[in-house]
Amino acid sequence: MKILTANRLTDGIAVWLGPDATWRESVEGADLARDAAGEERLESLGKAALANDEVVDVNLIDVEIVDGAIRPVRLRERIRAAGPTVRPDLGIQARPEPLYSI
């Protein structure tokens, strides 16, 4: 399974494409591509968003479902989803309930 991630152009925040084709600040609720056709659809939407100057660094990433939640496979992507590692009191990792631990 794969999801589409990017960085929002206005502020650099990591975002994930949702099923409604909007960019979300949380990996939860990202649109899952379960086959090649789904991957092509996500890539097409990502290319359009890049062309419209909405996002940069658009990538399909591998994910798995762990305890019912989307979890990026690569450590780099888990860190992007959890937020910066240097200040646990800032960013998305400072939210009351973390999405998951790295």
N, C-alpha and C. Protein backbone atom coordinates (compact mmCIF):
# COMPACT_ATOMS: atom_id res chain seq x y z
N MET A 1 0.85 -1.18 0.00
CA MET A 1 0.00 0.00 0.00
C MET A 1 0.89 1.24 0.00
N LYS A 2 0.37 2.28 -0.60
CA LYS A 2 1.11 3.53 -0.69
C LYS A 2 0.17 4.71 -0.44
N ILE A 3 0.77 5.81 0.02
CA ILE A 3 0.06 7.07 0.16
C ILE A 3 0.93 8.14 -0.48
N LEU A 4 0.33 9.30 -0.75
CA LEU A 4 1.05 10.40 -1.38
C LEU A 4 1.37 11.45 -0.33
N THR A 5 2.63 11.84 -0.25
CA THR A 5 3.05 12.87 0.68
C THR A 5 3.77 13.97 -0.07
N ALA A 6 3.85 15.13 0.55
CA ALA A 6 4.52 16.29 -0.03
C ALA A 6 4.78 17.28 1.09
N ASN A 7 5.33 18.42 0.73
CA ASN A 7 5.45 19.54 1.66
C ASN A 7 4.65 20.69 1.08
N ARG A 8 3.82 21.28 1.93
CA ARG A 8 3.01 22.42 1.50
C ARG A 8 3.93 23.57 1.14
N LEU A 9 3.70 24.21 0.03
CA LEU A 9 4.57 25.26 -0.47
C LEU A 9 4.54 26.50 0.41
N THR A 10 3.43 26.82 1.01
CA THR A 10 3.32 28.07 1.77
C THR A 10 4.11 28.06 3.07
N ASP A 11 4.26 26.89 3.72
CA ASP A 11 4.94 26.87 5.02
C ASP A 11 5.87 25.68 5.22
N GLY A 12 5.97 24.79 4.24
CA GLY A 12 6.89 23.66 4.33
C GLY A 12 6.41 22.48 5.16
N ILE A 13 5.20 22.56 5.72
CA ILE A 13 4.66 21.49 6.55
C ILE A 13 4.46 20.23 5.71
N ALA A 14 4.82 19.07 6.29
CA ALA A 14 4.57 17.79 5.63
C ALA A 14 3.06 17.56 5.58
N VAL A 15 2.58 17.14 4.41
CA VAL A 15 1.15 16.90 4.21
C VAL A 15 0.95 15.59 3.46
N TRP A 16 -0.26 15.05 3.56
CA TRP A 16 -0.63 13.80 2.91
C TRP A 16 -1.96 14.01 2.19
N LEU A 17 -2.08 13.41 1.02
CA LEU A 17 -3.29 13.60 0.21
C LEU A 17 -4.42 12.72 0.74
N GLY A 18 -5.56 13.35 1.01
CA GLY A 18 -6.74 12.63 1.50
C GLY A 18 -7.62 12.14 0.35
N PRO A 19 -8.61 11.31 0.67
CA PRO A 19 -9.51 10.76 -0.36
C PRO A 19 -10.29 11.83 -1.11
N ASP A 20 -10.46 13.00 -0.50
CA ASP A 20 -11.18 14.09 -1.14
C ASP A 20 -10.25 15.00 -1.94
N ALA A 21 -9.00 14.55 -2.15
CA ALA A 21 -7.99 15.27 -2.93
C ALA A 21 -7.56 16.58 -2.27
N THR A 22 -7.71 16.67 -0.95
CA THR A 22 -7.17 17.82 -0.22
C THR A 22 -5.96 17.34 0.58
N TRP A 23 -5.07 18.27 0.85
CA TRP A 23 -3.86 17.95 1.60
C TRP A 23 -4.13 18.07 3.09
N ARG A 24 -3.73 17.05 3.84
CA ARG A 24 -3.97 16.99 5.28
C ARG A 24 -2.65 17.04 6.03
N GLU A 25 -2.67 17.59 7.23
CA GLU A 25 -1.47 17.69 8.05
C GLU A 25 -1.22 16.42 8.86
N SER A 26 -2.10 15.44 8.75
CA SER A 26 -1.97 14.19 9.48
C SER A 26 -1.99 13.03 8.50
N VAL A 27 -1.14 12.04 8.76
CA VAL A 27 -1.11 10.84 7.92
C VAL A 27 -2.41 10.05 8.05
N GLU A 28 -3.09 10.20 9.19
CA GLU A 28 -4.38 9.52 9.38
C GLU A 28 -5.37 10.07 8.37
N GLY A 29 -6.06 9.20 7.73
CA GLY A 29 -7.05 9.63 6.75
C GLY A 29 -6.48 9.85 5.37
N ALA A 30 -5.19 9.53 5.18
CA ALA A 30 -4.61 9.65 3.83
C ALA A 30 -5.27 8.64 2.91
N ASP A 31 -5.33 8.99 1.65
CA ASP A 31 -5.92 8.12 0.64
C ASP A 31 -4.95 6.98 0.34
N LEU A 32 -5.38 5.75 0.55
CA LEU A 32 -4.54 4.57 0.34
C LEU A 32 -4.65 4.06 -1.10
N ALA A 33 -3.49 3.85 -1.72
CA ALA A 33 -3.44 3.19 -3.02
C ALA A 33 -3.11 1.73 -2.76
N ARG A 34 -4.03 0.86 -3.13
CA ARG A 34 -3.86 -0.56 -2.87
C ARG A 34 -3.40 -1.35 -4.10
N ASP A 35 -3.30 -0.66 -5.25
CA ASP A 35 -2.87 -1.32 -6.48
C ASP A 35 -2.23 -0.29 -7.41
N ALA A 36 -1.75 -0.76 -8.55
CA ALA A 36 -1.06 0.12 -9.50
C ALA A 36 -1.97 1.23 -10.01
N ALA A 37 -3.23 0.94 -10.23
CA ALA A 37 -4.17 1.97 -10.70
C ALA A 37 -4.33 3.06 -9.64
N GLY A 38 -4.41 2.68 -8.39
CA GLY A 38 -4.51 3.65 -7.30
C GLY A 38 -3.26 4.51 -7.20
N GLU A 39 -2.11 3.90 -7.40
CA GLU A 39 -0.85 4.64 -7.37
C GLU A 39 -0.80 5.65 -8.50
N GLU A 40 -1.22 5.25 -9.69
CA GLU A 40 -1.23 6.16 -10.84
C GLU A 40 -2.17 7.34 -10.58
N ARG A 41 -3.33 7.06 -9.98
CA ARG A 41 -4.28 8.14 -9.68
C ARG A 41 -3.66 9.13 -8.70
N LEU A 42 -3.02 8.64 -7.63
CA LEU A 42 -2.39 9.53 -6.65
C LEU A 42 -1.27 10.33 -7.29
N GLU A 43 -0.45 9.67 -8.10
CA GLU A 43 0.64 10.39 -8.77
C GLU A 43 0.11 11.49 -9.67
N SER A 44 -0.98 11.24 -10.37
CA SER A 44 -1.58 12.25 -11.24
C SER A 44 -2.06 13.45 -10.42
N LEU A 45 -2.70 13.18 -9.31
CA LEU A 45 -3.16 14.28 -8.44
C LEU A 45 -1.98 15.05 -7.87
N GLY A 46 -0.91 14.35 -7.52
CA GLY A 46 0.28 15.00 -7.00
C GLY A 46 0.95 15.89 -8.03
N LYS A 47 1.03 15.42 -9.28
CA LYS A 47 1.61 16.23 -10.35
C LYS A 47 0.80 17.50 -10.58
N ALA A 48 -0.51 17.37 -10.51
CA ALA A 48 -1.38 18.55 -10.69
C ALA A 48 -1.16 19.55 -9.55
N ALA A 49 -1.07 19.06 -8.33
CA ALA A 49 -0.85 19.95 -7.18
C ALA A 49 0.51 20.63 -7.27
N LEU A 50 1.51 19.90 -7.74
CA LEU A 50 2.84 20.48 -7.93
C LEU A 50 2.79 21.57 -9.00
N ALA A 51 2.11 21.29 -10.10
CA ALA A 51 1.99 22.27 -11.19
C ALA A 51 1.23 23.51 -10.75
N ASN A 52 0.31 23.35 -9.79
CA ASN A 52 -0.48 24.48 -9.28
C ASN A 52 0.20 25.19 -8.13
N ASP A 53 1.46 24.84 -7.84
CA ASP A 53 2.24 25.46 -6.76
C ASP A 53 1.58 25.32 -5.39
N GLU A 54 0.94 24.17 -5.16
CA GLU A 54 0.37 23.89 -3.84
C GLU A 54 1.38 23.20 -2.94
N VAL A 55 2.18 22.29 -3.53
CA VAL A 55 3.11 21.47 -2.77
C VAL A 55 4.41 21.28 -3.55
N VAL A 56 5.44 20.81 -2.83
CA VAL A 56 6.71 20.42 -3.43
C VAL A 56 7.11 19.07 -2.87
N ASP A 57 8.12 18.45 -3.46
CA ASP A 57 8.65 17.17 -3.00
C ASP A 57 7.55 16.11 -2.87
N VAL A 58 6.81 15.92 -3.94
CA VAL A 58 5.69 14.97 -3.97
C VAL A 58 6.23 13.55 -4.14
N ASN A 59 5.83 12.64 -3.25
CA ASN A 59 6.32 11.26 -3.29
C ASN A 59 5.26 10.27 -2.85
N LEU A 60 5.23 9.14 -3.53
CA LEU A 60 4.45 7.99 -3.05
C LEU A 60 5.34 7.27 -2.04
N ILE A 61 4.77 6.93 -0.89
CA ILE A 61 5.56 6.22 0.12
C ILE A 61 4.83 4.94 0.53
N ASP A 62 5.62 3.96 0.92
CA ASP A 62 5.07 2.69 1.40
C ASP A 62 4.54 2.85 2.80
N VAL A 63 3.36 2.28 3.04
CA VAL A 63 2.76 2.29 4.37
C VAL A 63 2.22 0.91 4.70
N GLU A 64 1.97 0.71 5.98
CA GLU A 64 1.31 -0.49 6.45
C GLU A 64 0.23 -0.07 7.43
N ILE A 65 -0.68 -0.96 7.70
CA ILE A 65 -1.71 -0.69 8.70
C ILE A 65 -1.29 -1.43 9.97
N VAL A 66 -1.13 -0.67 11.05
CA VAL A 66 -0.73 -1.22 12.35
C VAL A 66 -1.80 -0.83 13.36
N ASP A 67 -2.44 -1.81 13.94
CA ASP A 67 -3.52 -1.56 14.92
C ASP A 67 -4.56 -0.60 14.35
N GLY A 68 -4.88 -0.77 13.07
CA GLY A 68 -5.92 0.03 12.43
C GLY A 68 -5.48 1.41 11.98
N ALA A 69 -4.20 1.76 12.17
CA ALA A 69 -3.71 3.08 11.79
C ALA A 69 -2.68 2.98 10.67
N ILE A 70 -2.64 4.01 9.85
CA ILE A 70 -1.64 4.08 8.78
C ILE A 70 -0.29 4.38 9.40
N ARG A 71 0.72 3.59 9.01
CA ARG A 71 2.08 3.79 9.54
C ARG A 71 3.07 3.71 8.38
N PRO A 72 3.81 4.80 8.13
CA PRO A 72 4.84 4.74 7.08
C PRO A 72 5.86 3.65 7.40
N VAL A 73 6.35 2.99 6.37
CA VAL A 73 7.32 1.91 6.54
C VAL A 73 8.70 2.45 6.87
N ARG A 74 9.16 3.45 6.13
CA ARG A 74 10.50 4.00 6.34
C ARG A 74 10.54 4.93 7.55
N LEU A 75 11.64 4.87 8.29
CA LEU A 75 11.82 5.71 9.47
C LEU A 75 11.73 7.19 9.11
N ARG A 76 12.32 7.59 8.01
CA ARG A 76 12.27 8.99 7.60
C ARG A 76 10.83 9.48 7.51
N GLU A 77 9.97 8.67 6.92
CA GLU A 77 8.58 9.07 6.75
C GLU A 77 7.82 9.03 8.08
N ARG A 78 8.18 8.13 8.97
CA ARG A 78 7.56 8.12 10.31
C ARG A 78 7.92 9.39 11.06
N ILE A 79 9.17 9.83 10.92
CA ILE A 79 9.59 11.07 11.57
C ILE A 79 8.84 12.26 10.98
N ARG A 80 8.69 12.31 9.66
CA ARG A 80 7.94 13.40 9.03
C ARG A 80 6.49 13.41 9.53
N ALA A 81 5.90 12.23 9.71
CA ALA A 81 4.52 12.15 10.17
C ALA A 81 4.38 12.54 11.64
N ALA A 82 5.41 12.25 12.45
CA ALA A 82 5.34 12.54 13.88
C ALA A 82 5.77 13.97 14.20
N GLY A 83 6.57 14.57 13.35
CA GLY A 83 7.04 15.93 13.59
C GLY A 83 8.51 15.98 13.94
N PRO A 84 9.06 17.18 14.09
CA PRO A 84 10.49 17.33 14.36
C PRO A 84 10.91 16.58 15.62
N THR A 85 12.14 16.10 15.62
CA THR A 85 12.63 15.31 16.75
C THR A 85 13.38 16.14 17.78
N VAL A 86 13.65 17.40 17.51
CA VAL A 86 14.48 18.19 18.41
C VAL A 86 13.69 18.91 19.50
N ARG A 87 12.43 19.17 19.30
CA ARG A 87 11.62 19.89 20.29
C ARG A 87 10.28 19.18 20.45
N PRO A 88 10.18 18.25 21.38
CA PRO A 88 8.92 17.52 21.55
C PRO A 88 7.76 18.40 22.03
N ASP A 89 8.06 19.62 22.47
CA ASP A 89 7.01 20.52 22.94
C ASP A 89 6.43 21.38 21.82
N LEU A 90 6.95 21.23 20.60
CA LEU A 90 6.48 22.02 19.46
C LEU A 90 6.04 21.11 18.33
N GLY A 91 5.29 21.64 17.42
CA GLY A 91 4.90 20.89 16.23
C GLY A 91 3.82 19.86 16.50
N ILE A 92 3.59 18.99 15.53
CA ILE A 92 2.50 18.03 15.65
C ILE A 92 2.75 17.00 16.74
N GLN A 93 4.02 16.79 17.10
CA GLN A 93 4.30 15.84 18.17
C GLN A 93 3.88 16.38 19.54
N ALA A 94 3.58 17.66 19.64
CA ALA A 94 3.15 18.25 20.91
C ALA A 94 1.64 18.17 21.11
N ARG A 95 0.94 17.63 20.14
CA ARG A 95 -0.50 17.49 20.29
C ARG A 95 -0.80 16.58 21.47
N PRO A 96 -1.95 16.74 22.11
CA PRO A 96 -2.26 15.96 23.30
C PRO A 96 -2.13 14.46 23.13
N GLU A 97 -2.56 13.93 21.98
CA GLU A 97 -2.48 12.48 21.76
C GLU A 97 -1.64 12.24 20.51
N PRO A 98 -0.41 11.73 20.69
CA PRO A 98 0.41 11.47 19.50
C PRO A 98 -0.23 10.42 18.60
N LEU A 99 0.03 10.55 17.31
CA LEU A 99 -0.53 9.61 16.34
C LEU A 99 0.01 8.22 16.58
N TYR A 100 1.30 8.12 16.85
CA TYR A 100 1.95 6.86 17.18
C TYR A 100 3.37 7.18 17.57
N SER A 101 4.04 6.26 18.17
CA SER A 101 5.43 6.49 18.53
C SER A 101 6.33 6.02 17.39
N ILE A 102 7.46 6.65 17.29
CA ILE A 102 8.43 6.31 16.24
C ILE A 102 9.08 5.02 16.63
